[in-house]
Amino acid sequence: MNLDDIRRAAVARSLFQPTTLQRALDTLGFVQADPIRAPARAQDLMLRHRVVGYRAGDLERLYSNLDVHEDFFVNYGFVTTALQGLMHPRGGPTPWTSAHGRHVRKLIEFVRARGSVHPREVDDHFAHGTVTNYWGGASSATTHLLDQMHYRGLLRVVRRESGIRIYGAHEHAPVARDAATRREHLDGLVDVVVAKYAPLPAASLSYVVRRLRYAAPQWTRQLGAALERAKRRLAHARIDGVDWYWPASAVVSETSDIVRLLAPFDPVVWDRRRFEILWGWAYRFEAYTPVPKRKLGYYALPLLWRDRVIGWANVSATSGRLDAKFGYVASRPRGPVFRNALEEELHRLGAFLGLPSQLT
């Protein structure tokens, strides 16, 4: 094997043949979420490459009919019931206080009685006041407690209204607490994250396994042992001084003349360390970077051509038109094959957004 094989495998493994939405979710296990729309949310931009006929917003529209839950894995997003079962029941970063416990019991009773609740409805009933949120501002103490209860698996998001989570009570099947079951669940979590982002260089494998402390904080101390078991279990090869790991299955190495504009959190892009090794340049997500310091743009979408990420695009939908501004690491590929493939991708993107597409 060489780096070209790893590069092709990274693309082919992740960008599988488009299928139904549920089957794509089952294959991925987890889809990272992000609220920014530029030109659509990250979860929609990722699923459009993997679901036949996918349109922006389909995941949210169909959410209640799918086997999927909003939850935290290595980041916040959407997980299948099978994956959620490997993480729960879990605790939180700090134990409940006695006051928390009283509020939680009352709140659970309230939610069960109502079936589903809007945070404002809960706040109006309990009036818990405000707390300092993660960004230093004030937020509703009730909303903060609902978030904590959701993270601990006591609540689930049943739907959203204008972007606001609507919660319902959630009960998980009982899980044995013996050491063998713990190892089985941890190994299952590692296998999901590796299957999603492989092939992974050794440093990235260590990083993604460490991030499972968010998925299963109750097992943080066991993650080191889980990593060592994974290294023994996974297929691996040393290439140009770097150890690479992937699931013990054949490495797919097919490529096709397709252009794809990827979300900043797409599995092909997500691991920035791997990205730089495979494509020789540094991609950065700059939505929160001050404008004068941006090099790629507010929400630059990596531009994948065959098995190479050769540039990026900033895309907007204004006045019923799709506007795409491109940048290239070296130069734009010449010839009709790339030009036609790029136009086809813009047409696909326009259809996904419900807009006509036009190369500008």
Protein backbone atom coordinates (compact mmCIF):
# COMPACT_ATOMS: atom_id res chain seq x y z
CA MET A 1 0.00 0.00 0.00
CA ASN A 2 1.00 3.60 -0.53
CA LEU A 3 -0.47 7.02 0.23
CA ASP A 4 -2.48 6.99 -3.03
CA ASP A 5 -4.27 3.86 -1.80
CA ILE A 6 -5.03 5.53 1.53
CA ARG A 7 -6.29 8.66 -0.24
CA ARG A 8 -8.62 6.72 -2.53
CA ALA A 9 -9.86 4.61 0.38
CA ALA A 10 -10.61 7.72 2.45
CA VAL A 11 -12.90 9.00 -0.30
CA ALA A 12 -14.46 5.73 -1.44
CA ARG A 13 -15.21 4.40 2.07
CA SER A 14 -17.01 7.56 3.11
CA LEU A 15 -18.78 8.53 -0.12
CA PHE A 16 -20.63 5.25 -0.58
CA GLN A 17 -23.31 4.61 -3.18
CA PRO A 18 -26.28 6.89 -2.39
CA THR A 19 -29.15 5.07 -0.70
CA THR A 20 -32.25 5.83 1.39
CA LEU A 21 -32.02 8.30 4.26
CA GLN A 22 -32.45 5.63 6.94
CA ARG A 23 -29.86 3.32 5.38
CA ALA A 24 -27.40 6.20 5.09
CA LEU A 25 -27.92 7.03 8.76
CA ASP A 26 -27.44 3.37 9.68
CA THR A 27 -24.20 3.25 7.69
CA LEU A 28 -22.84 6.49 9.13
CA GLY A 29 -24.07 5.93 12.69
CA PHE A 30 -23.54 9.61 13.42
CA VAL A 31 -24.04 12.83 11.44
CA GLN A 32 -22.55 15.97 12.93
CA ALA A 33 -24.91 18.96 13.17
CA ASP A 34 -24.24 22.66 12.76
CA PRO A 35 -26.81 25.50 12.69
CA ILE A 36 -25.09 27.69 10.08
CA ARG A 37 -26.78 27.72 6.66
CA ALA A 38 -24.23 28.57 3.97
CA PRO A 39 -25.98 27.60 1.77
CA ALA A 40 -27.47 24.82 3.95
CA ARG A 41 -26.81 23.22 7.31
CA ALA A 42 -23.81 20.91 7.53
CA GLN A 43 -25.92 17.81 8.22
CA ASP A 44 -27.88 18.42 5.02
CA LEU A 45 -24.74 19.13 2.99
CA MET A 46 -23.30 15.80 4.14
CA LEU A 47 -26.41 13.73 3.56
CA ARG A 48 -27.03 15.05 0.04
CA HIS A 49 -24.00 13.08 -1.21
CA ARG A 50 -25.18 9.89 0.44
CA VAL A 51 -28.97 9.88 0.02
CA VAL A 52 -30.85 9.55 -3.26
CA GLY A 53 -32.89 12.67 -4.04
CA TYR A 54 -32.06 14.36 -0.74
CA ARG A 55 -33.28 17.94 -0.29
CA ALA A 56 -32.17 20.52 2.25
CA GLY A 57 -34.13 20.08 5.47
CA ASP A 58 -35.25 16.48 4.83
CA LEU A 59 -33.61 15.21 8.03
CA GLU A 60 -35.50 17.70 10.18
CA ARG A 61 -38.77 17.19 8.29
CA LEU A 62 -38.60 13.39 8.53
CA TYR A 63 -36.92 13.21 11.94
CA SER A 64 -39.92 11.88 13.87
CA ASN A 65 -40.32 8.99 11.40
CA LEU A 66 -36.67 7.95 11.44
CA ASP A 67 -34.63 5.77 13.75
CA VAL A 68 -32.46 8.72 14.80
CA HIS A 69 -31.90 10.86 17.88
CA GLU A 70 -30.21 14.16 18.57
CA ASP A 71 -27.34 13.39 20.91
CA PHE A 72 -23.66 13.91 21.59
CA PHE A 73 -21.11 11.51 20.12
CA VAL A 74 -17.67 12.95 19.31
CA ASN A 75 -19.61 16.15 18.53
CA TYR A 76 -23.29 17.07 18.72
CA GLY A 77 -25.47 15.65 15.99
CA PHE A 78 -27.74 12.78 15.04
CA VAL A 79 -27.19 9.17 16.15
CA THR A 80 -29.00 5.92 15.52
CA THR A 81 -30.63 3.95 18.32
CA ALA A 82 -27.92 1.29 17.99
CA LEU A 83 -25.17 3.84 18.58
CA GLN A 84 -27.08 5.58 21.37
CA GLY A 85 -27.44 2.23 23.13
CA LEU A 86 -23.64 1.94 23.31
CA MET A 87 -23.35 5.31 25.11
CA HIS A 88 -26.21 5.24 27.64
CA PRO A 89 -26.97 5.32 30.44
CA ARG A 90 -24.29 7.92 31.05
CA GLY A 91 -23.62 10.51 33.70
CA GLY A 92 -22.57 14.10 33.28
CA PRO A 93 -19.37 16.06 33.80
CA THR A 94 -20.39 16.74 37.43
CA PRO A 95 -22.74 14.91 39.81
CA TRP A 96 -26.24 16.25 40.44
CA THR A 97 -26.59 18.42 43.51
CA SER A 98 -29.51 17.73 45.85
CA ALA A 99 -31.24 20.82 44.41
CA HIS A 100 -30.65 19.52 40.89
CA GLY A 101 -32.13 16.18 41.88
CA ARG A 102 -35.34 17.78 43.15
CA HIS A 103 -35.69 19.90 40.00
CA VAL A 104 -35.00 16.89 37.76
CA ARG A 105 -37.66 14.74 39.43
CA LYS A 106 -40.28 17.49 39.16
CA LEU A 107 -39.34 18.26 35.58
CA ILE A 108 -39.51 14.61 34.50
CA GLU A 109 -42.98 14.34 36.03
CA PHE A 110 -44.03 17.50 34.18
CA VAL A 111 -42.69 16.24 30.84
CA ARG A 112 -44.33 12.84 31.24
CA ALA A 113 -47.67 14.47 32.04
CA ARG A 114 -47.46 16.76 28.98
CA GLY A 115 -45.95 14.22 26.55
CA SER A 116 -43.67 16.80 24.96
CA VAL A 117 -42.65 20.29 26.10
CA HIS A 118 -41.14 23.50 24.75
CA PRO A 119 -38.41 24.97 27.02
CA ARG A 120 -40.45 28.18 27.35
CA GLU A 121 -43.41 26.17 28.61
CA VAL A 122 -41.21 24.54 31.25
CA ASP A 123 -39.66 27.85 32.23
CA ASP A 124 -43.09 29.46 32.60
CA HIS A 125 -44.14 26.65 34.91
CA PHE A 126 -41.01 26.43 37.07
CA ALA A 127 -39.33 29.88 36.65
CA HIS A 128 -35.83 28.62 37.51
CA GLY A 129 -34.13 31.92 36.64
CA THR A 130 -30.91 32.31 34.65
CA VAL A 131 -27.41 30.88 34.59
CA THR A 132 -24.20 31.83 32.79
CA ASN A 133 -23.98 29.83 29.59
CA TYR A 134 -20.91 28.45 27.84
CA TRP A 135 -20.36 31.70 25.92
CA GLY A 136 -20.44 33.94 28.98
CA GLY A 137 -23.98 35.21 28.49
CA ALA A 138 -27.18 34.57 30.42
CA SER A 139 -29.51 31.77 29.48
CA SER A 140 -32.55 30.19 31.08
CA ALA A 141 -31.69 27.91 33.97
CA THR A 142 -34.54 25.67 32.86
CA THR A 143 -33.10 25.40 29.34
CA HIS A 144 -29.69 24.64 30.82
CA LEU A 145 -31.16 21.89 33.00
CA LEU A 146 -33.08 20.46 30.04
CA ASP A 147 -29.79 20.33 28.10
CA GLN A 148 -28.13 18.46 30.97
CA MET A 149 -31.01 16.03 31.27
CA HIS A 150 -30.94 15.44 27.53
CA TYR A 151 -27.20 14.76 27.65
CA ARG A 152 -27.68 12.27 30.47
CA GLY A 153 -30.37 10.47 28.47
CA LEU A 154 -33.37 11.39 30.64
CA LEU A 155 -34.95 13.34 27.78
CA ARG A 156 -34.92 13.07 24.01
CA VAL A 157 -35.56 15.62 21.31
CA VAL A 158 -38.87 14.63 19.73
CA ARG A 159 -38.83 17.43 17.14
CA ARG A 160 -37.87 21.07 16.64
CA GLU A 161 -40.04 24.14 16.31
CA SER A 162 -38.34 27.12 14.65
CA GLY A 163 -35.04 25.52 15.59
CA ILE A 164 -35.97 25.05 19.29
CA ARG A 165 -35.71 21.55 20.75
CA ILE A 166 -39.01 20.05 21.89
CA TYR A 167 -38.35 17.44 24.57
CA GLY A 168 -40.03 14.23 25.63
CA ALA A 169 -39.18 11.77 28.40
CA HIS A 170 -36.74 9.05 27.43
CA GLU A 171 -36.03 5.70 29.03
CA HIS A 172 -33.21 3.40 27.99
CA ALA A 173 -33.23 -0.35 28.18
CA PRO A 174 -31.37 -1.69 31.22
CA VAL A 175 -27.69 -2.39 30.58
CA ALA A 176 -25.45 -4.74 32.52
CA ARG A 177 -22.65 -2.95 34.36
CA ASP A 178 -20.05 -5.73 34.38
CA ALA A 179 -16.56 -5.26 32.94
CA ALA A 180 -17.21 -7.43 29.87
CA THR A 181 -20.24 -5.38 28.85
CA ARG A 182 -18.30 -2.16 29.37
CA ARG A 183 -15.49 -3.37 27.12
CA GLU A 184 -18.00 -4.52 24.50
CA HIS A 185 -19.69 -1.12 24.43
CA LEU A 186 -16.42 0.80 24.37
CA ASP A 187 -15.06 -1.34 21.54
CA GLY A 188 -18.33 -0.79 19.68
CA LEU A 189 -17.99 2.99 20.04
CA VAL A 190 -14.41 2.85 18.79
CA ASP A 191 -15.47 0.75 15.82
CA VAL A 192 -18.17 3.28 14.87
CA VAL A 193 -15.83 6.26 15.00
CA VAL A 194 -13.06 4.43 13.14
CA ALA A 195 -15.43 3.19 10.42
CA LYS A 196 -16.65 6.74 9.96
CA TYR A 197 -13.27 8.50 9.68
CA ALA A 198 -10.85 5.77 8.53
CA PRO A 199 -8.24 5.31 7.29
CA LEU A 200 -6.76 7.21 10.25
CA PRO A 201 -3.13 8.04 11.06
CA ALA A 202 -2.13 6.87 14.54
CA ALA A 203 -2.27 10.37 16.06
CA SER A 204 -5.80 10.88 14.72
CA LEU A 205 -6.91 7.49 15.98
CA SER A 206 -5.78 8.49 19.46
CA TYR A 207 -7.59 11.82 19.10
CA VAL A 208 -10.95 10.38 18.04
CA VAL A 209 -10.84 7.72 20.75
CA ARG A 210 -10.13 10.41 23.36
CA ARG A 211 -13.14 12.36 22.11
CA LEU A 212 -15.33 9.43 23.13
CA ARG A 213 -15.13 10.91 26.62
CA TYR A 214 -18.05 13.08 25.48
CA ALA A 215 -20.00 10.06 24.25
CA ALA A 216 -19.39 8.00 27.38
CA PRO A 217 -17.96 10.16 30.20
CA GLN A 218 -18.59 7.31 32.63
CA TRP A 219 -15.80 5.35 30.90
CA THR A 220 -13.19 8.05 30.38
CA ARG A 221 -10.58 6.14 32.39
CA GLN A 222 -11.00 3.07 30.20
CA LEU A 223 -10.39 4.85 26.87
CA GLY A 224 -6.65 4.21 26.92
CA ALA A 225 -7.20 0.46 27.17
CA ALA A 226 -9.85 0.65 24.43
CA LEU A 227 -7.34 2.39 22.17
CA GLU A 228 -4.76 -0.34 22.68
CA ARG A 229 -7.32 -3.03 21.93
CA ALA A 230 -8.29 -1.18 18.77
CA LYS A 231 -4.72 -1.01 17.54
CA ARG A 232 -4.47 -4.78 17.89
CA ARG A 233 -7.87 -5.37 16.27
CA LEU A 234 -7.73 -2.97 13.31
CA ALA A 235 -5.98 -3.46 10.00
CA HIS A 236 -2.94 -1.22 9.73
CA ALA A 237 0.09 -0.33 7.63
CA ARG A 238 3.10 1.96 7.97
CA ILE A 239 3.41 4.36 5.03
CA ASP A 240 6.05 7.07 4.75
CA GLY A 241 6.74 6.83 8.47
CA VAL A 242 3.08 7.09 9.49
CA ASP A 243 1.02 4.23 10.95
CA TRP A 244 -2.49 4.07 9.43
CA TYR A 245 -5.50 2.18 10.84
CA TRP A 246 -8.83 1.13 9.34
CA PRO A 247 -11.50 -1.56 9.89
CA ALA A 248 -10.35 -5.06 9.09
CA SER A 249 -11.92 -5.19 5.64
CA ALA A 250 -10.72 -4.68 2.12
CA VAL A 251 -9.50 -1.17 1.32
CA VAL A 252 -11.71 0.25 -1.43
CA SER A 253 -9.72 2.19 -4.02
CA GLU A 254 -12.15 3.16 -6.80
CA THR A 255 -12.35 6.69 -8.15
CA SER A 256 -14.66 8.40 -10.63
CA ASP A 257 -14.82 11.68 -12.52
CA ILE A 258 -17.07 13.39 -9.99
CA VAL A 259 -16.81 16.82 -8.39
CA ARG A 260 -18.24 17.19 -4.90
CA LEU A 261 -18.53 20.26 -2.68
CA LEU A 262 -18.15 18.95 0.86
CA ALA A 263 -19.35 20.35 4.16
CA PRO A 264 -16.64 21.59 6.56
CA PHE A 265 -17.53 18.67 8.87
CA ASP A 266 -17.88 15.97 6.22
CA PRO A 267 -16.11 12.74 7.28
CA VAL A 268 -13.72 13.17 4.33
CA VAL A 269 -12.69 16.58 5.71
CA TRP A 270 -13.27 16.38 9.46
CA ASP A 271 -9.82 15.18 10.57
CA ARG A 272 -7.61 18.14 9.70
CA ARG A 273 -4.41 16.21 10.45
CA ARG A 274 -5.36 13.52 7.95
CA PHE A 275 -6.49 16.17 5.48
CA GLU A 276 -3.06 17.80 5.39
CA ILE A 277 -1.28 14.45 4.97
CA LEU A 278 -3.54 13.33 2.14
CA TRP A 279 -3.92 16.57 0.20
CA GLY A 280 -0.89 18.61 1.18
CA TRP A 281 -2.60 21.81 2.30
CA ALA A 282 -4.35 23.15 5.38
CA TYR A 283 -8.12 23.57 5.30
CA ARG A 284 -9.54 25.78 8.04
CA PHE A 285 -13.14 26.46 9.03
CA GLU A 286 -13.26 30.26 9.23
CA ALA A 287 -16.87 31.12 10.11
CA TYR A 288 -15.68 32.38 13.51
CA THR A 289 -12.43 33.89 12.24
CA PRO A 290 -12.33 37.71 12.05
CA VAL A 291 -12.95 38.80 8.47
CA PRO A 292 -9.48 40.36 7.92
CA LYS A 293 -7.82 37.07 8.90
CA ARG A 294 -9.86 34.79 6.64
CA LYS A 295 -7.99 33.09 3.81
CA LEU A 296 -10.68 30.81 2.38
CA GLY A 297 -13.94 32.51 3.33
CA TYR A 298 -16.78 32.42 5.84
CA TYR A 299 -18.01 28.90 5.02
CA ALA A 300 -15.63 27.49 2.43
CA LEU A 301 -16.73 24.10 1.08
CA PRO A 302 -13.77 21.84 0.17
CA LEU A 303 -13.80 20.97 -3.54
CA LEU A 304 -13.22 17.27 -4.16
CA TRP A 305 -12.27 16.20 -7.69
CA ARG A 306 -11.91 12.43 -8.09
CA ASP A 307 -9.81 11.58 -5.01
CA ARG A 308 -8.16 14.99 -4.61
CA VAL A 309 -9.32 18.02 -2.65
CA ILE A 310 -8.04 20.70 -5.02
CA GLY A 311 -9.70 23.86 -3.70
CA TRP A 312 -12.82 25.31 -2.16
CA ALA A 313 -15.98 27.28 -2.89
CA ASN A 314 -18.06 29.83 -1.04
CA VAL A 315 -21.66 29.32 -2.09
CA SER A 316 -24.70 31.50 -1.52
CA ALA A 317 -28.27 31.42 -2.72
CA THR A 318 -29.61 34.90 -3.37
CA SER A 319 -32.56 36.12 -5.41
CA GLY A 320 -33.35 32.58 -6.52
CA ARG A 321 -29.87 32.04 -7.95
CA LEU A 322 -26.90 29.97 -6.88
CA ASP A 323 -23.66 31.93 -6.66
CA ALA A 324 -20.40 30.01 -6.22
CA LYS A 325 -16.97 31.61 -5.85
CA PHE A 326 -14.05 29.21 -6.25
CA GLY A 327 -10.47 29.11 -5.08
CA TYR A 328 -7.83 26.55 -6.03
CA VAL A 329 -4.74 25.32 -4.23
CA ALA A 330 -2.73 25.25 -7.46
CA SER A 331 -4.76 25.91 -10.58
CA ARG A 332 -8.14 24.94 -11.94
CA PRO A 333 -8.01 21.64 -13.88
CA ARG A 334 -8.19 22.18 -17.61
CA GLY A 335 -10.40 20.40 -20.09
CA PRO A 336 -14.07 19.53 -20.53
CA VAL A 337 -14.13 16.57 -18.10
CA PHE A 338 -13.62 18.72 -15.02
CA ARG A 339 -15.71 21.59 -16.37
CA ASN A 340 -18.68 19.31 -17.04
CA ALA A 341 -18.31 17.56 -13.69
CA LEU A 342 -18.27 20.91 -11.88
CA GLU A 343 -21.38 22.10 -13.69
CA GLU A 344 -23.14 18.83 -12.81
CA GLU A 345 -22.27 19.33 -9.14
CA LEU A 346 -23.68 22.85 -9.21
CA HIS A 347 -26.88 21.55 -10.80
CA ARG A 348 -27.13 18.91 -8.06
CA LEU A 349 -26.55 21.55 -5.40
CA GLY A 350 -29.19 23.80 -6.94
CA ALA A 351 -31.73 20.97 -6.99
CA PHE A 352 -30.88 20.14 -3.36
CA LEU A 353 -31.61 23.77 -2.43
CA GLY A 354 -34.64 24.03 -4.69
CA LEU A 355 -32.86 26.64 -6.81
CA PRO A 356 -31.54 26.81 -10.37
CA SER A 357 -27.75 26.57 -10.42
CA GLN A 358 -25.39 28.76 -12.35
CA LEU A 359 -21.62 28.85 -12.48
CA THR A 360 -20.39 32.41 -11.79
